[in-house]
């Protein structure tokens, strides 16, 4: 998702929790395929206290939602 100023949109705070189950499931599978030594559940847990992991989680969710949106449209 790109904003008019060209910067990638990020899901912040509660917005990050608004992703539906299908997006979460797809993100989980993609993340764990790319990071075989880590789990998506661990990333979610770490995101509650790590700014870097929170941003990484948001980026993965936005990318998955954006990809799903472009495939639908």
PDB file of N, CA and C in Angstrom:
ATOM      1  N   UNK A   1       0.844  -1.164   0.000  1.00  0.00           N
ATOM      2  CA  UNK A   1       0.000   0.000   0.000  1.00  0.00           C
ATOM      3  C   UNK A   1       0.890   1.228   0.000  1.00  0.00           C
ATOM      4  N   UNK A   2       0.653   2.115  -0.910  1.00  0.00           N
ATOM      5  CA  UNK A   2       1.463   3.301  -1.014  1.00  0.00           C
ATOM      6  C   UNK A   2       0.594   4.526  -0.808  1.00  0.00           C
ATOM      7  N   UNK A   3       1.085   5.440  -0.011  1.00  0.00           N
ATOM      8  CA  UNK A   3       0.375   6.692   0.223  1.00  0.00           C
ATOM      9  C   UNK A   3       0.670   7.634  -0.926  1.00  0.00           C
ATOM     10  N   UNK A   4      -0.131   8.709  -1.057  1.00  0.00           N
ATOM     11  CA  UNK A   4       0.111   9.663  -2.149  1.00  0.00           C
ATOM     12  C   UNK A   4       1.506  10.268  -2.143  1.00  0.00           C
ATOM     13  N   UNK A   5       2.149  10.378  -0.985  1.00  0.00           N
ATOM     14  CA  UNK A   5       3.491  10.955  -0.945  1.00  0.00           C
ATOM     15  C   UNK A   5       4.570   9.938  -1.309  1.00  0.00           C
ATOM     16  N   UNK A   6       4.155   8.698  -1.663  1.00  0.00           N
ATOM     17  CA  UNK A   6       5.097   7.686  -2.116  1.00  0.00           C
ATOM     18  C   UNK A   6       5.671   6.813  -1.023  1.00  0.00           C
ATOM     19  N   UNK A   7       5.353   7.095   0.219  1.00  0.00           N
ATOM     20  CA  UNK A   7       5.869   6.288   1.314  1.00  0.00           C
ATOM     21  C   UNK A   7       4.957   5.094   1.546  1.00  0.00           C
ATOM     22  N   UNK A   8       5.539   3.991   1.928  1.00  0.00           N
ATOM     23  CA  UNK A   8       4.752   2.789   2.209  1.00  0.00           C
ATOM     24  C   UNK A   8       3.913   3.022   3.457  1.00  0.00           C
ATOM     25  N   UNK A   9       2.671   2.592   3.404  1.00  0.00           N
ATOM     26  CA  UNK A   9       1.780   2.724   4.562  1.00  0.00           C
ATOM     27  C   UNK A   9       2.127   1.665   5.584  1.00  0.00           C
ATOM     28  N   UNK A  10       2.003   2.013   6.849  1.00  0.00           N
ATOM     29  CA  UNK A  10       2.250   1.067   7.939  1.00  0.00           C
ATOM     30  C   UNK A  10       0.986   0.970   8.775  1.00  0.00           C
ATOM     31  N   UNK A  11       0.733  -0.215   9.242  1.00  0.00           N
ATOM     32  CA  UNK A  11      -0.348  -0.400  10.195  1.00  0.00           C
ATOM     33  C   UNK A  11       0.202  -0.075  11.570  1.00  0.00           C
ATOM     34  N   UNK A  12      -0.420   0.831  12.251  1.00  0.00           N
ATOM     35  CA  UNK A  12       0.065   1.255  13.559  1.00  0.00           C
ATOM     36  C   UNK A  12      -0.911   0.872  14.655  1.00  0.00           C
ATOM     37  N   UNK A  13      -0.373   0.447  15.778  1.00  0.00           N
ATOM     38  CA  UNK A  13      -1.182   0.177  16.964  1.00  0.00           C
ATOM     39  C   UNK A  13      -2.339  -0.752  16.682  1.00  0.00           C
ATOM     40  N   UNK A  14      -3.531  -0.255  16.954  1.00  0.00           N
ATOM     41  CA  UNK A  14      -4.732  -1.074  16.767  1.00  0.00           C
ATOM     42  C   UNK A  14      -4.979  -1.436  15.318  1.00  0.00           C
ATOM     43  N   UNK A  15      -4.522  -0.584  14.380  1.00  0.00           N
ATOM     44  CA  UNK A  15      -4.705  -0.888  12.962  1.00  0.00           C
ATOM     45  C   UNK A  15      -4.015  -2.185  12.576  1.00  0.00           C
ATOM     46  N   UNK A  16      -2.905  -2.503  13.227  1.00  0.00           N
ATOM     47  CA  UNK A  16      -2.178  -3.733  12.929  1.00  0.00           C
ATOM     48  C   UNK A  16      -2.988  -4.952  13.329  1.00  0.00           C
ATOM     49  N   UNK A  17      -3.916  -4.799  14.270  1.00  0.00           N
ATOM     50  CA  UNK A  17      -4.721  -5.915  14.746  1.00  0.00           C
ATOM     51  C   UNK A  17      -5.983  -6.103  13.922  1.00  0.00           C
ATOM     52  N   UNK A  18      -6.250  -5.237  12.961  1.00  0.00           N
ATOM     53  CA  UNK A  18      -7.479  -5.296  12.173  1.00  0.00           C
ATOM     54  C   UNK A  18      -7.400  -6.256  10.991  1.00  0.00           C
ATOM     55  N   UNK A  19      -6.258  -6.840  10.773  1.00  0.00           N
ATOM     56  CA  UNK A  19      -6.116  -7.763   9.648  1.00  0.00           C
ATOM     57  C   UNK A  19      -6.942  -9.013   9.918  1.00  0.00           C
ATOM     58  N   UNK A  20      -7.618  -9.481   8.879  1.00  0.00           N
ATOM     59  CA  UNK A  20      -8.490 -10.638   9.075  1.00  0.00           C
ATOM     60  C   UNK A  20      -7.695 -11.939   9.170  1.00  0.00           C
ATOM     61  N   UNK A  21      -8.395 -12.984   9.516  1.00  0.00           N
ATOM     62  CA  UNK A  21      -7.759 -14.282   9.754  1.00  0.00           C
ATOM     63  C   UNK A  21      -7.056 -14.813   8.501  1.00  0.00           C
ATOM     64  N   UNK A  22      -7.624 -14.575   7.334  1.00  0.00           N
ATOM     65  CA  UNK A  22      -7.009 -15.068   6.097  1.00  0.00           C
ATOM     66  C   UNK A  22      -5.653 -14.403   5.865  1.00  0.00           C
ATOM     67  N   UNK A  23      -5.575 -13.091   6.099  1.00  0.00           N
ATOM     68  CA  UNK A  23      -4.312 -12.374   5.936  1.00  0.00           C
ATOM     69  C   UNK A  23      -3.300 -12.863   6.966  1.00  0.00           C
ATOM     70  N   UNK A  24      -3.749 -13.039   8.207  1.00  0.00           N
ATOM     71  CA  UNK A  24      -2.844 -13.517   9.256  1.00  0.00           C
ATOM     72  C   UNK A  24      -2.307 -14.905   8.904  1.00  0.00           C
ATOM     73  N   UNK A  25      -3.173 -15.797   8.436  1.00  0.00           N
ATOM     74  CA  UNK A  25      -2.749 -17.145   8.077  1.00  0.00           C
ATOM     75  C   UNK A  25      -1.756 -17.151   6.928  1.00  0.00           C
ATOM     76  N   UNK A  26      -2.041 -16.334   5.926  1.00  0.00           N
ATOM     77  CA  UNK A  26      -1.136 -16.267   4.776  1.00  0.00           C
ATOM     78  C   UNK A  26       0.208 -15.665   5.180  1.00  0.00           C
ATOM     79  N   UNK A  27       0.167 -14.635   6.029  1.00  0.00           N
ATOM     80  CA  UNK A  27       1.401 -14.020   6.512  1.00  0.00           C
ATOM     81  C   UNK A  27       2.211 -15.020   7.325  1.00  0.00           C
ATOM     82  N   UNK A  28       1.532 -15.776   8.174  1.00  0.00           N
ATOM     83  CA  UNK A  28       2.198 -16.803   8.983  1.00  0.00           C
ATOM     84  C   UNK A  28       2.955 -17.777   8.090  1.00  0.00           C
ATOM     85  N   UNK A  29       2.289 -18.302   7.063  1.00  0.00           N
ATOM     86  CA  UNK A  29       2.932 -19.275   6.174  1.00  0.00           C
ATOM     87  C   UNK A  29       4.110 -18.671   5.431  1.00  0.00           C
ATOM     88  N   UNK A  30       3.943 -17.458   4.922  1.00  0.00           N
ATOM     89  CA  UNK A  30       5.032 -16.820   4.182  1.00  0.00           C
ATOM     90  C   UNK A  30       6.211 -16.492   5.092  1.00  0.00           C
ATOM     91  N   UNK A  31       5.921 -15.964   6.280  1.00  0.00           N
ATOM     92  CA  UNK A  31       6.998 -15.606   7.202  1.00  0.00           C
ATOM     93  C   UNK A  31       7.791 -16.836   7.606  1.00  0.00           C
ATOM     94  N   UNK A  32       7.095 -17.906   7.971  1.00  0.00           N
ATOM     95  CA  UNK A  32       7.797 -19.113   8.426  1.00  0.00           C
ATOM     96  C   UNK A  32       8.534 -19.814   7.295  1.00  0.00           C
ATOM     97  N   UNK A  33       8.077 -19.632   6.073  1.00  0.00           N
ATOM     98  CA  UNK A  33       8.806 -20.193   4.934  1.00  0.00           C
ATOM     99  C   UNK A  33      10.113 -19.431   4.711  1.00  0.00           C
ATOM    100  N   UNK A  34      10.080 -18.116   4.907  1.00  0.00           N
ATOM    101  CA  UNK A  34      11.279 -17.289   4.718  1.00  0.00           C
ATOM    102  C   UNK A  34      12.202 -17.283   5.925  1.00  0.00           C
ATOM    103  N   UNK A  35      11.667 -17.610   7.103  1.00  0.00           N
ATOM    104  CA  UNK A  35      12.446 -17.616   8.351  1.00  0.00           C
ATOM    105  C   UNK A  35      12.285 -18.970   9.037  1.00  0.00           C
ATOM    106  N   UNK A  36      12.923 -20.016   8.518  1.00  0.00           N
ATOM    107  CA  UNK A  36      12.720 -21.358   9.077  1.00  0.00           C
ATOM    108  C   UNK A  36      13.204 -21.512  10.515  1.00  0.00           C
ATOM    109  N   UNK A  37      14.053 -20.609  10.975  1.00  0.00           N
ATOM    110  CA  UNK A  37      14.555 -20.696  12.350  1.00  0.00           C
ATOM    111  C   UNK A  37      13.739 -19.859  13.337  1.00  0.00           C
ATOM    112  N   UNK A  38      12.625 -19.294  12.886  1.00  0.00           N
ATOM    113  CA  UNK A  38      11.774 -18.440  13.720  1.00  0.00           C
ATOM    114  C   UNK A  38      10.322 -18.793  13.440  1.00  0.00           C
ATOM    115  N   UNK A  39       9.435 -18.456  14.369  1.00  0.00           N
ATOM    116  CA  UNK A  39       8.009 -18.681  14.129  1.00  0.00           C
ATOM    117  C   UNK A  39       7.287 -17.344  14.113  1.00  0.00           C
ATOM    118  N   UNK A  40       6.165 -17.300  13.412  1.00  0.00           N
ATOM    119  CA  UNK A  40       5.350 -16.098  13.351  1.00  0.00           C
ATOM    120  C   UNK A  40       4.809 -15.757  14.739  1.00  0.00           C
ATOM    121  N   UNK A  41       4.449 -16.787  15.500  1.00  0.00           N
ATOM    122  CA  UNK A  41       3.945 -16.563  16.863  1.00  0.00           C
ATOM    123  C   UNK A  41       5.003 -15.877  17.724  1.00  0.00           C
ATOM    124  N   UNK A  42       6.254 -16.265  17.566  1.00  0.00           N
ATOM    125  CA  UNK A  42       7.332 -15.620  18.317  1.00  0.00           C
ATOM    126  C   UNK A  42       7.506 -14.164  17.884  1.00  0.00           C
ATOM    127  N   UNK A  43       7.377 -13.906  16.589  1.00  0.00           N
ATOM    128  CA  UNK A  43       7.470 -12.533  16.094  1.00  0.00           C
ATOM    129  C   UNK A  43       6.357 -11.680  16.700  1.00  0.00           C
ATOM    130  N   UNK A  44       5.147 -12.207  16.719  1.00  0.00           N
ATOM    131  CA  UNK A  44       4.014 -11.476  17.300  1.00  0.00           C
ATOM    132  C   UNK A  44       4.279 -11.192  18.773  1.00  0.00           C
ATOM    133  N   UNK A  45       4.776 -12.179  19.501  1.00  0.00           N
ATOM    134  CA  UNK A  45       5.072 -12.001  20.928  1.00  0.00           C
ATOM    135  C   UNK A  45       6.155 -10.942  21.122  1.00  0.00           C
ATOM    136  N   UNK A  46       7.223 -11.029  20.330  1.00  0.00           N
ATOM    137  CA  UNK A  46       8.316 -10.058  20.459  1.00  0.00           C
ATOM    138  C   UNK A  46       7.879  -8.648  20.073  1.00  0.00           C
ATOM    139  N   UNK A  47       6.903  -8.542  19.181  1.00  0.00           N
ATOM    140  CA  UNK A  47       6.468  -7.220  18.728  1.00  0.00           C
ATOM    141  C   UNK A  47       5.827  -6.402  19.843  1.00  0.00           C
ATOM    142  N   UNK A  48       5.405  -7.055  20.911  1.00  0.00           N
ATOM    143  CA  UNK A  48       4.797  -6.312  22.015  1.00  0.00           C
ATOM    144  C   UNK A  48       5.825  -5.504  22.805  1.00  0.00           C
ATOM    145  N   UNK A  49       7.107  -5.851  22.699  1.00  0.00           N
ATOM    146  CA  UNK A  49       8.122  -5.105  23.445  1.00  0.00           C
ATOM    147  C   UNK A  49       9.319  -4.668  22.601  1.00  0.00           C
ATOM    148  N   UNK A  50       9.341  -4.998  21.332  1.00  0.00           N
ATOM    149  CA  UNK A  50      10.456  -4.630  20.470  1.00  0.00           C
ATOM    150  C   UNK A  50       9.956  -3.793  19.297  1.00  0.00           C
ATOM    151  N   UNK A  51      10.456  -2.559  19.204  1.00  0.00           N
ATOM    152  CA  UNK A  51      10.041  -1.681  18.114  1.00  0.00           C
ATOM    153  C   UNK A  51      10.433  -2.276  16.768  1.00  0.00           C
ATOM    154  N   UNK A  52      11.598  -2.862  16.679  1.00  0.00           N
ATOM    155  CA  UNK A  52      12.046  -3.439  15.412  1.00  0.00           C
ATOM    156  C   UNK A  52      11.146  -4.582  14.976  1.00  0.00           C
ATOM    157  N   UNK A  53      10.798  -5.464  15.914  1.00  0.00           N
ATOM    158  CA  UNK A  53       9.913  -6.579  15.568  1.00  0.00           C
ATOM    159  C   UNK A  53       8.496  -6.100  15.267  1.00  0.00           C
ATOM    160  N   UNK A  54       8.044  -5.047  15.945  1.00  0.00           N
ATOM    161  CA  UNK A  54       6.713  -4.497  15.670  1.00  0.00           C
ATOM    162  C   UNK A  54       6.662  -3.977  14.235  1.00  0.00           C
ATOM    163  N   UNK A  55       7.710  -3.274  13.827  1.00  0.00           N
ATOM    164  CA  UNK A  55       7.762  -2.752  12.451  1.00  0.00           C
ATOM    165  C   UNK A  55       7.882  -3.894  11.439  1.00  0.00           C
ATOM    166  N   UNK A  56       8.658  -4.911  11.767  1.00  0.00           N
ATOM    167  CA  UNK A  56       8.780  -6.065  10.883  1.00  0.00           C
ATOM    168  C   UNK A  56       7.428  -6.754  10.712  1.00  0.00           C
ATOM    169  N   UNK A  57       6.703  -6.944  11.803  1.00  0.00           N
ATOM    170  CA  UNK A  57       5.377  -7.550  11.745  1.00  0.00           C
ATOM    171  C   UNK A  57       4.435  -6.700  10.901  1.00  0.00           C
ATOM    172  N   UNK A  58       4.451  -5.399  11.131  1.00  0.00           N
ATOM    173  CA  UNK A  58       3.591  -4.505  10.352  1.00  0.00           C
ATOM    174  C   UNK A  58       3.928  -4.573   8.873  1.00  0.00           C
ATOM    175  N   UNK A  59       5.212  -4.600   8.541  1.00  0.00           N
ATOM    176  CA  UNK A  59       5.625  -4.686   7.140  1.00  0.00           C
ATOM    177  C   UNK A  59       5.129  -5.975   6.496  1.00  0.00           C
ATOM    178  N   UNK A  60       5.254  -7.090   7.204  1.00  0.00           N
ATOM    179  CA  UNK A  60       4.780  -8.368   6.670  1.00  0.00           C
ATOM    180  C   UNK A  60       3.271  -8.344   6.455  1.00  0.00           C
ATOM    181  N   UNK A  61       2.525  -7.807   7.411  1.00  0.00           N
ATOM    182  CA  UNK A  61       1.067  -7.762   7.284  1.00  0.00           C
ATOM    183  C   UNK A  61       0.634  -6.853   6.143  1.00  0.00           C
ATOM    184  N   UNK A  62       1.261  -5.706   6.021  1.00  0.00           N
ATOM    185  CA  UNK A  62       0.917  -4.772   4.948  1.00  0.00           C
ATOM    186  C   UNK A  62       1.267  -5.372   3.590  1.00  0.00           C
ATOM    187  N   UNK A  63       2.426  -6.010   3.504  1.00  0.00           N
ATOM    188  CA  UNK A  63       2.830  -6.621   2.235  1.00  0.00           C
ATOM    189  C   UNK A  63       1.871  -7.730   1.822  1.00  0.00           C
ATOM    190  N   UNK A  64       1.474  -8.557   2.767  1.00  0.00           N
ATOM    191  CA  UNK A  64       0.541  -9.640   2.464  1.00  0.00           C
ATOM    192  C   UNK A  64      -0.808  -9.082   2.041  1.00  0.00           C
ATOM    193  N   UNK A  65      -1.314  -8.085   2.766  1.00  0.00           N
ATOM    194  CA  UNK A  65      -2.605  -7.478   2.435  1.00  0.00           C
ATOM    195  C   UNK A  65      -2.535  -6.777   1.075  1.00  0.00           C
ATOM    196  N   UNK A  66      -1.424  -6.112   0.813  1.00  0.00           N
ATOM    197  CA  UNK A  66      -1.256  -5.429  -0.466  1.00  0.00           C
ATOM    198  C   UNK A  66      -1.218  -6.424  -1.615  1.00  0.00           C
ATOM    199  N   UNK A  67      -0.487  -7.507  -1.420  1.00  0.00           N
ATOM    200  CA  UNK A  67      -0.400  -8.541  -2.453  1.00  0.00           C
ATOM    201  C   UNK A  67      -1.768  -9.181  -2.680  1.00  0.00           C
ATOM    202  N   UNK A  68      -2.494  -9.436  -1.625  1.00  0.00           N
ATOM    203  CA  UNK A  68      -3.836 -10.022  -1.743  1.00  0.00           C
ATOM    204  C   UNK A  68      -4.776  -9.052  -2.450  1.00  0.00           C
ATOM    205  N   UNK A  69      -4.634  -7.756  -2.144  1.00  0.00           N
ATOM    206  CA  UNK A  69      -5.470  -6.742  -2.778  1.00  0.00           C
ATOM    207  C   UNK A  69      -5.189  -6.616  -4.258  1.00  0.00           C
ATOM    208  N   UNK A  70      -3.932  -6.713  -4.650  1.00  0.00           N
ATOM    209  CA  UNK A  70      -3.585  -6.604  -6.072  1.00  0.00           C
ATOM    210  C   UNK A  70      -4.022  -7.854  -6.833  1.00  0.00           C
ATOM    211  N   UNK A  71      -4.046  -8.990  -6.164  1.00  0.00           N
ATOM    212  CA  UNK A  71      -4.488 -10.231  -6.813  1.00  0.00           C
ATOM    213  C   UNK A  71      -5.998 -10.224  -6.991  1.00  0.00           C
ATOM    214  N   UNK A  72      -6.721  -9.575  -6.062  1.00  0.00           N
ATOM    215  CA  UNK A  72      -8.182  -9.518  -6.158  1.00  0.00           C
ATOM    216  C   UNK A  72      -8.640  -8.526  -7.208  1.00  0.00           C
ATOM    217  N   UNK A  73      -7.877  -7.447  -7.359  1.00  0.00           N
ATOM    218  CA  UNK A  73      -8.341  -6.336  -8.169  1.00  0.00           C
ATOM    219  C   UNK A  73      -7.947  -6.450  -9.566  1.00  0.00           C
TER     220      UNK A  73
END
